[in-house]
Amino acid sequence: MSEQISRRKLLGAGLAAGAACYGISLLGSTSGTRWKGFKPNSLRKGVFVVRGENPREITRKAVMMAGGMDKLVSRGDKVLIKPNIAWDRVPEMCANTNPEVVAALVELCREAGARQVVVLDHTCSTNPEPSYISSGIKESASHAGAKVEYVDKTRFVPVRIEDGYALDSWAFYEEVLTCDVLINVPVAKHHSTSKLTMALKNAFGMVGLDRGKLHKDIHRKIADLNRVVKVDLVVLDAYRRLVRHGPTGGRLGDVDNSRQTARRVIVSTDRVAADAYGATLFGFKPEDIGHIRYSHECGLGTMDFKALTFEETTV
């Protein structure tokens, strides 16, 4: 038996065992299930960057530059907004998405006629509440009109990953697979294993099982997870950047607030292009980051963001 087949069998066995722990079943075919596709939209294709002092204002402006939320969200849609709420940190520490960015997106979706806007993340703690509260996202998103949810671990669904680099299947959160519109709202951060964590890496908060196992060969696995999740819009929060000791941070000295390389929001329908631009803010070429390169190579988007429409402005 080849090493590759053996590895894939072990991975399948691990998925089954992990699924059992989460209360989900691998009985029944997941390959034949039709999950969410990309939402048809008339947004502009490109990368749109807005710099300024007010995170809510620059978020609204960046979405408007892309065409406006009503070009994506239809009346009656259920929208899932997936920020980073992984850590028990206050906004100034930049371990989580800026709460004002999230609130602006909730408002825009509601103004576009969304039936429901759900905000959630699979945090890195057994008890998600401290992260939701400390981040400011629970309060800001609720006040803006969102339904703020904690992950229900019985709602992870095993999905086969076609043509994966390193994964054949993994468990994804059901709501990620069934919503009408999926908006990915990561914060731009250093990461000790993947170098950077932005839109592509934020898929870790959409999956279950033992996520620690995803850190081996992490760059290929990030690309594999993104083969499944159909992100309709990326809003990359670079109002602050965590430049050291990511992903948790914990010191104000690790946070960049400068007007030159922070104080901005990036909007794109192309998650690879959004991350490629984000990488340049940290002094990297996009191809320096493995998961950006692999995601580009397997057709999830382009890391040549300058080949797209690229617009940048200050408010």
Protein backbone atom coordinates (compact mmCIF):
# COMPACT_ATOMS: atom_id res chain seq x y z
CA MET A 1 0.00 0.00 0.00
CA SER A 2 1.42 3.40 -0.95
CA GLU A 3 2.35 5.98 1.64
CA GLN A 4 -0.17 8.42 0.16
CA ILE A 5 -3.08 5.96 0.44
CA SER A 6 -2.09 5.06 3.98
CA ARG A 7 -1.95 8.71 4.96
CA ARG A 8 -5.38 9.36 3.44
CA LYS A 9 -6.88 6.36 5.29
CA LEU A 10 -5.46 7.59 8.57
CA LEU A 11 -6.85 11.04 7.88
CA GLY A 12 -10.27 9.57 7.16
CA ALA A 13 -10.16 7.57 10.37
CA GLY A 14 -9.19 10.68 12.28
CA LEU A 15 -12.10 12.61 10.76
CA ALA A 16 -14.53 9.86 11.75
CA ALA A 17 -13.24 9.79 15.33
CA GLY A 18 -13.35 13.55 15.60
CA ALA A 19 -16.84 13.67 14.14
CA ALA A 20 -18.02 11.23 16.77
CA CYS A 21 -16.65 13.52 19.49
CA TYR A 22 -18.57 16.43 18.00
CA GLY A 23 -21.80 14.49 17.80
CA ILE A 24 -21.93 14.42 13.98
CA SER A 25 -22.14 11.43 11.71
CA LEU A 26 -20.20 10.36 8.66
CA LEU A 27 -23.04 8.04 7.65
CA GLY A 28 -24.67 9.21 4.45
CA SER A 29 -22.93 10.81 1.51
CA THR A 30 -21.56 14.31 1.91
CA SER A 31 -20.13 14.38 -1.60
CA GLY A 32 -23.63 14.43 -3.12
CA THR A 33 -24.95 17.20 -0.88
CA ARG A 34 -25.41 20.57 -2.50
CA TRP A 35 -24.07 23.29 -0.26
CA LYS A 36 -23.97 27.03 -0.73
CA GLY A 37 -22.40 28.32 -3.94
CA PHE A 38 -21.17 31.84 -4.61
CA LYS A 39 -24.02 34.33 -4.46
CA PRO A 40 -24.60 35.93 -7.88
CA ASN A 41 -23.80 39.62 -7.56
CA SER A 42 -22.95 42.74 -9.51
CA LEU A 43 -20.14 43.99 -7.29
CA ARG A 44 -17.07 45.40 -8.99
CA LYS A 45 -14.23 42.91 -9.28
CA GLY A 46 -11.05 44.26 -7.78
CA VAL A 47 -9.42 45.44 -4.57
CA PHE A 48 -10.73 48.60 -2.91
CA VAL A 49 -8.80 50.26 -0.08
CA VAL A 50 -9.99 53.13 2.09
CA ARG A 51 -7.82 54.85 4.68
CA GLY A 52 -9.09 57.07 7.46
CA GLU A 53 -9.54 57.64 11.17
CA ASN A 54 -13.07 56.26 11.63
CA PRO A 55 -13.30 52.46 11.15
CA ARG A 56 -17.05 52.49 10.58
CA GLU A 57 -16.81 55.26 8.00
CA ILE A 58 -13.97 53.70 6.02
CA THR A 59 -15.75 50.34 5.98
CA ARG A 60 -18.87 51.90 4.51
CA LYS A 61 -16.80 53.80 1.95
CA ALA A 62 -14.84 50.71 0.88
CA VAL A 63 -18.03 48.69 0.35
CA MET A 64 -19.50 51.57 -1.64
CA MET A 65 -16.38 51.68 -3.85
CA ALA A 66 -16.98 48.01 -4.63
CA GLY A 67 -20.51 48.85 -5.74
CA GLY A 68 -22.53 48.86 -2.53
CA MET A 69 -23.91 46.08 -0.36
CA ASP A 70 -27.18 46.01 -2.31
CA LYS A 71 -25.20 44.61 -5.25
CA LEU A 72 -24.61 41.48 -3.16
CA VAL A 73 -27.33 41.20 -0.52
CA SER A 74 -30.91 40.73 -1.75
CA ARG A 75 -34.06 41.38 0.23
CA GLY A 76 -34.81 38.33 2.36
CA ASP A 77 -31.26 36.95 2.40
CA LYS A 78 -29.71 35.35 5.45
CA VAL A 79 -26.21 36.79 5.80
CA LEU A 80 -23.42 35.23 7.85
CA ILE A 81 -20.67 37.62 8.90
CA LYS A 82 -17.55 35.78 10.08
CA PRO A 83 -15.11 38.06 11.93
CA ASN A 84 -12.18 36.95 14.04
CA ILE A 85 -13.40 36.73 17.64
CA ALA A 86 -10.94 34.04 18.65
CA TRP A 87 -9.22 35.66 21.62
CA ASP A 88 -10.11 37.25 24.97
CA ARG A 89 -8.56 40.58 24.04
CA VAL A 90 -9.81 44.17 23.92
CA PRO A 91 -9.92 45.89 20.50
CA GLU A 92 -6.74 47.88 21.09
CA MET A 93 -4.74 44.64 21.23
CA CYS A 94 -5.72 43.81 17.61
CA ALA A 95 -6.18 40.09 18.19
CA ASN A 96 -9.76 40.25 16.89
CA THR A 97 -11.63 42.12 14.18
CA ASN A 98 -12.44 45.75 14.96
CA PRO A 99 -15.99 45.84 16.39
CA GLU A 100 -16.83 49.03 14.49
CA VAL A 101 -15.98 47.34 11.18
CA VAL A 102 -18.35 44.49 12.05
CA ALA A 103 -21.11 46.89 13.11
CA ALA A 104 -20.84 48.84 9.86
CA LEU A 105 -21.26 45.63 7.85
CA VAL A 106 -24.28 44.55 9.88
CA GLU A 107 -25.90 47.93 9.22
CA LEU A 108 -25.13 47.76 5.51
CA CYS A 109 -26.64 44.27 5.20
CA ARG A 110 -29.78 45.31 7.03
CA GLU A 111 -30.09 48.42 4.88
CA ALA A 112 -29.85 46.18 1.80
CA GLY A 113 -32.85 44.17 3.04
CA ALA A 114 -31.28 41.13 4.68
CA ARG A 115 -33.82 38.99 6.52
CA GLN A 116 -31.27 38.09 9.17
CA VAL A 117 -27.62 38.90 9.85
CA VAL A 118 -25.74 36.37 11.96
CA VAL A 119 -22.32 37.06 13.48
CA LEU A 120 -20.26 34.17 14.82
CA ASP A 121 -16.80 32.62 15.11
CA HIS A 122 -15.44 29.31 16.36
CA THR A 123 -13.23 30.75 19.08
CA CYS A 124 -10.07 29.21 20.49
CA SER A 125 -11.65 28.77 23.92
CA THR A 126 -14.17 26.24 25.19
CA ASN A 127 -16.18 29.17 26.55
CA PRO A 128 -16.57 31.73 23.76
CA GLU A 129 -18.30 34.40 25.84
CA PRO A 130 -15.18 36.21 27.19
CA SER A 131 -13.82 36.64 23.65
CA TYR A 132 -17.17 37.89 22.34
CA ILE A 133 -17.43 40.42 25.17
CA SER A 134 -13.80 41.60 25.39
CA SER A 135 -13.55 42.07 21.63
CA GLY A 136 -16.50 44.46 21.73
CA ILE A 137 -18.11 42.53 18.87
CA LYS A 138 -21.03 41.08 20.82
CA GLU A 139 -22.18 44.52 21.90
CA SER A 140 -21.49 46.38 18.66
CA ALA A 141 -22.98 43.74 16.36
CA SER A 142 -26.07 43.25 18.53
CA HIS A 143 -26.66 46.98 18.72
CA ALA A 144 -26.38 47.20 14.92
CA GLY A 145 -29.10 44.57 14.55
CA ALA A 146 -27.26 41.26 14.20
CA LYS A 147 -28.03 37.95 15.82
CA VAL A 148 -24.79 37.13 17.62
CA GLU A 149 -24.36 33.38 18.02
CA TYR A 150 -21.93 31.01 19.68
CA VAL A 151 -20.93 27.92 17.73
CA ASP A 152 -23.04 24.85 18.41
CA LYS A 153 -20.63 21.93 18.19
CA THR A 154 -23.38 19.53 17.10
CA ARG A 155 -23.74 21.51 13.84
CA PHE A 156 -20.44 20.65 12.20
CA VAL A 157 -20.91 18.73 8.97
CA PRO A 158 -18.27 16.53 7.27
CA VAL A 159 -17.60 17.61 3.70
CA ARG A 160 -15.37 15.98 1.12
CA ILE A 161 -12.64 18.18 -0.35
CA GLU A 162 -12.12 17.49 -4.02
CA ASP A 163 -8.52 17.53 -5.31
CA GLY A 164 -7.15 18.71 -1.97
CA TYR A 165 -3.44 19.21 -1.49
CA ALA A 166 -3.43 17.62 1.97
CA LEU A 167 -7.05 17.04 3.04
CA ASP A 168 -9.73 14.73 1.66
CA SER A 169 -12.46 15.96 3.99
CA TRP A 170 -13.08 18.04 7.08
CA ALA A 171 -15.97 19.18 9.28
CA PHE A 172 -17.43 22.61 8.42
CA TYR A 173 -19.98 24.63 10.34
CA GLU A 174 -23.41 24.08 8.84
CA GLU A 175 -24.37 27.76 8.78
CA VAL A 176 -21.28 28.56 6.68
CA LEU A 177 -22.55 26.05 4.12
CA THR A 178 -26.21 27.05 4.09
CA CYS A 179 -26.38 30.86 4.40
CA ASP A 180 -27.33 32.98 1.39
CA VAL A 181 -24.36 35.33 1.74
CA LEU A 182 -21.02 34.73 3.48
CA ILE A 183 -18.92 37.77 4.41
CA ASN A 184 -15.43 37.06 5.74
CA VAL A 185 -14.13 39.83 8.02
CA PRO A 186 -10.64 38.98 9.29
CA VAL A 187 -8.15 41.23 11.02
CA ALA A 188 -4.67 41.57 9.51
CA LYS A 189 -2.22 39.83 11.87
CA HIS A 190 1.13 38.15 12.21
CA HIS A 191 0.85 34.41 12.84
CA SER A 192 3.59 32.28 14.36
CA THR A 193 2.88 29.28 12.11
CA SER A 194 1.39 30.63 8.87
CA LYS A 195 3.35 33.94 8.92
CA LEU A 196 0.14 35.92 8.41
CA THR A 197 -3.52 35.36 9.16
CA MET A 198 -6.08 37.24 7.07
CA ALA A 199 -9.00 36.13 4.87
CA LEU A 200 -7.76 32.67 3.83
CA LYS A 201 -6.59 31.66 7.31
CA ASN A 202 -9.86 32.94 8.80
CA ALA A 203 -11.48 29.77 7.42
CA PHE A 204 -10.12 28.02 10.55
CA GLY A 205 -12.96 29.68 12.45
CA MET A 206 -15.48 28.03 10.10
CA VAL A 207 -14.45 24.44 10.82
CA GLY A 208 -14.47 21.94 13.66
CA LEU A 209 -12.66 18.77 14.77
CA ASP A 210 -9.14 19.01 16.18
CA ARG A 211 -7.93 22.20 14.49
CA GLY A 212 -4.47 21.67 15.97
CA LYS A 213 -3.97 18.95 13.35
CA LEU A 214 -4.40 21.56 10.64
CA HIS A 215 -1.18 23.28 11.69
CA LYS A 216 1.01 20.58 10.15
CA ASP A 217 1.38 21.48 6.47
CA ILE A 218 -0.75 24.48 7.33
CA HIS A 219 -0.37 26.39 4.08
CA ARG A 220 -1.73 23.61 1.90
CA LYS A 221 -4.50 22.89 4.38
CA ILE A 222 -5.60 26.52 4.42
CA ALA A 223 -5.99 26.35 0.65
CA ASP A 224 -7.90 23.07 0.97
CA LEU A 225 -10.42 24.49 3.46
CA ASN A 226 -11.01 27.42 1.14
CA ARG A 227 -11.94 25.03 -1.67
CA VAL A 228 -15.13 24.33 0.30
CA VAL A 229 -16.17 27.68 1.80
CA LYS A 230 -17.73 30.01 -0.77
CA VAL A 231 -16.86 33.47 0.51
CA ASP A 232 -18.87 36.14 -1.29
CA LEU A 233 -17.08 39.18 0.09
CA VAL A 234 -13.90 39.84 2.05
CA VAL A 235 -13.61 42.88 4.27
CA LEU A 236 -10.06 42.88 5.61
CA ASP A 237 -9.70 44.94 8.77
CA ALA A 238 -6.31 46.65 8.76
CA TYR A 239 -7.38 49.58 10.90
CA ARG A 240 -4.82 48.16 13.29
CA ARG A 241 -2.26 45.46 12.44
CA LEU A 242 -0.76 42.94 14.85
CA VAL A 243 2.84 42.80 13.69
CA ARG A 244 4.39 40.49 16.34
CA HIS A 245 3.41 37.65 18.67
CA GLY A 246 0.38 36.67 16.64
CA PRO A 247 -2.17 35.38 16.61
CA THR A 248 -2.87 36.16 20.27
CA GLY A 249 -0.91 39.37 20.80
CA GLY A 250 -1.36 40.87 24.24
CA ARG A 251 0.96 43.88 24.16
CA LEU A 252 0.22 47.31 22.74
CA GLY A 253 3.80 47.45 21.49
CA ASP A 254 2.95 44.67 19.01
CA VAL A 255 0.23 46.76 17.36
CA ASP A 256 0.73 49.07 14.39
CA ASN A 257 -1.58 52.10 14.35
CA SER A 258 0.35 54.15 11.82
CA ARG A 259 -1.34 55.97 8.95
CA GLN A 260 1.29 54.58 6.58
CA THR A 261 0.57 50.86 7.07
CA ALA A 262 -2.66 50.71 9.10
CA ARG A 263 -5.85 52.78 9.48
CA ARG A 264 -7.43 51.11 6.44
CA VAL A 265 -10.06 48.61 5.32
CA ILE A 266 -9.74 46.44 2.20
CA VAL A 267 -12.78 45.10 0.32
CA SER A 268 -12.73 42.49 -2.44
CA THR A 269 -14.73 39.59 -3.83
CA ASP A 270 -11.37 37.85 -4.35
CA ARG A 271 -10.01 36.52 -1.05
CA VAL A 272 -6.62 35.67 -2.56
CA ALA A 273 -6.22 39.20 -3.95
CA ALA A 274 -7.29 40.72 -0.62
CA ASP A 275 -4.67 38.67 1.24
CA ALA A 276 -2.06 39.43 -1.41
CA TYR A 277 -2.51 43.15 -0.87
CA GLY A 278 -2.56 42.60 2.89
CA ALA A 279 0.77 40.76 2.71
CA THR A 280 2.40 43.87 1.23
CA LEU A 281 1.45 45.83 4.35
CA PHE A 282 3.73 43.48 6.31
CA GLY A 283 6.58 43.80 3.82
CA PHE A 284 5.98 40.46 2.11
CA LYS A 285 5.49 39.64 -1.53
CA PRO A 286 2.26 37.62 -1.90
CA GLU A 287 4.19 34.58 -3.12
CA ASP A 288 6.21 34.62 0.13
CA ILE A 289 3.12 33.38 1.99
CA GLY A 290 2.53 29.71 1.20
CA HIS A 291 -1.25 29.64 1.59
CA ILE A 292 -1.65 32.66 -0.69
CA ARG A 293 0.52 30.99 -3.31
CA TYR A 294 -1.28 27.63 -3.09
CA SER A 295 -4.71 29.28 -3.18
CA HIS A 296 -3.66 31.18 -6.29
CA GLU A 297 -2.31 28.03 -7.93
CA CYS A 298 -5.50 26.04 -7.36
CA GLY A 299 -7.68 28.77 -8.81
CA LEU A 300 -9.32 30.26 -5.72
CA GLY A 301 -8.35 33.76 -6.82
CA THR A 302 -5.34 35.74 -7.96
CA MET A 303 -2.40 36.98 -5.96
CA ASP A 304 -1.64 39.47 -8.76
CA PHE A 305 -4.00 42.03 -7.25
CA LYS A 306 -2.55 44.85 -9.33
CA ALA A 307 -3.87 43.09 -12.45
CA LEU A 308 -7.39 43.70 -11.12
CA THR A 309 -9.14 47.00 -10.66
CA PHE A 310 -7.26 48.57 -7.76
CA GLU A 311 -8.47 51.74 -6.12
CA GLU A 312 -7.26 53.43 -2.95
CA THR A 313 -8.55 56.57 -1.31
CA THR A 314 -8.49 58.45 1.99
CA VAL A 315 -11.49 59.86 3.84
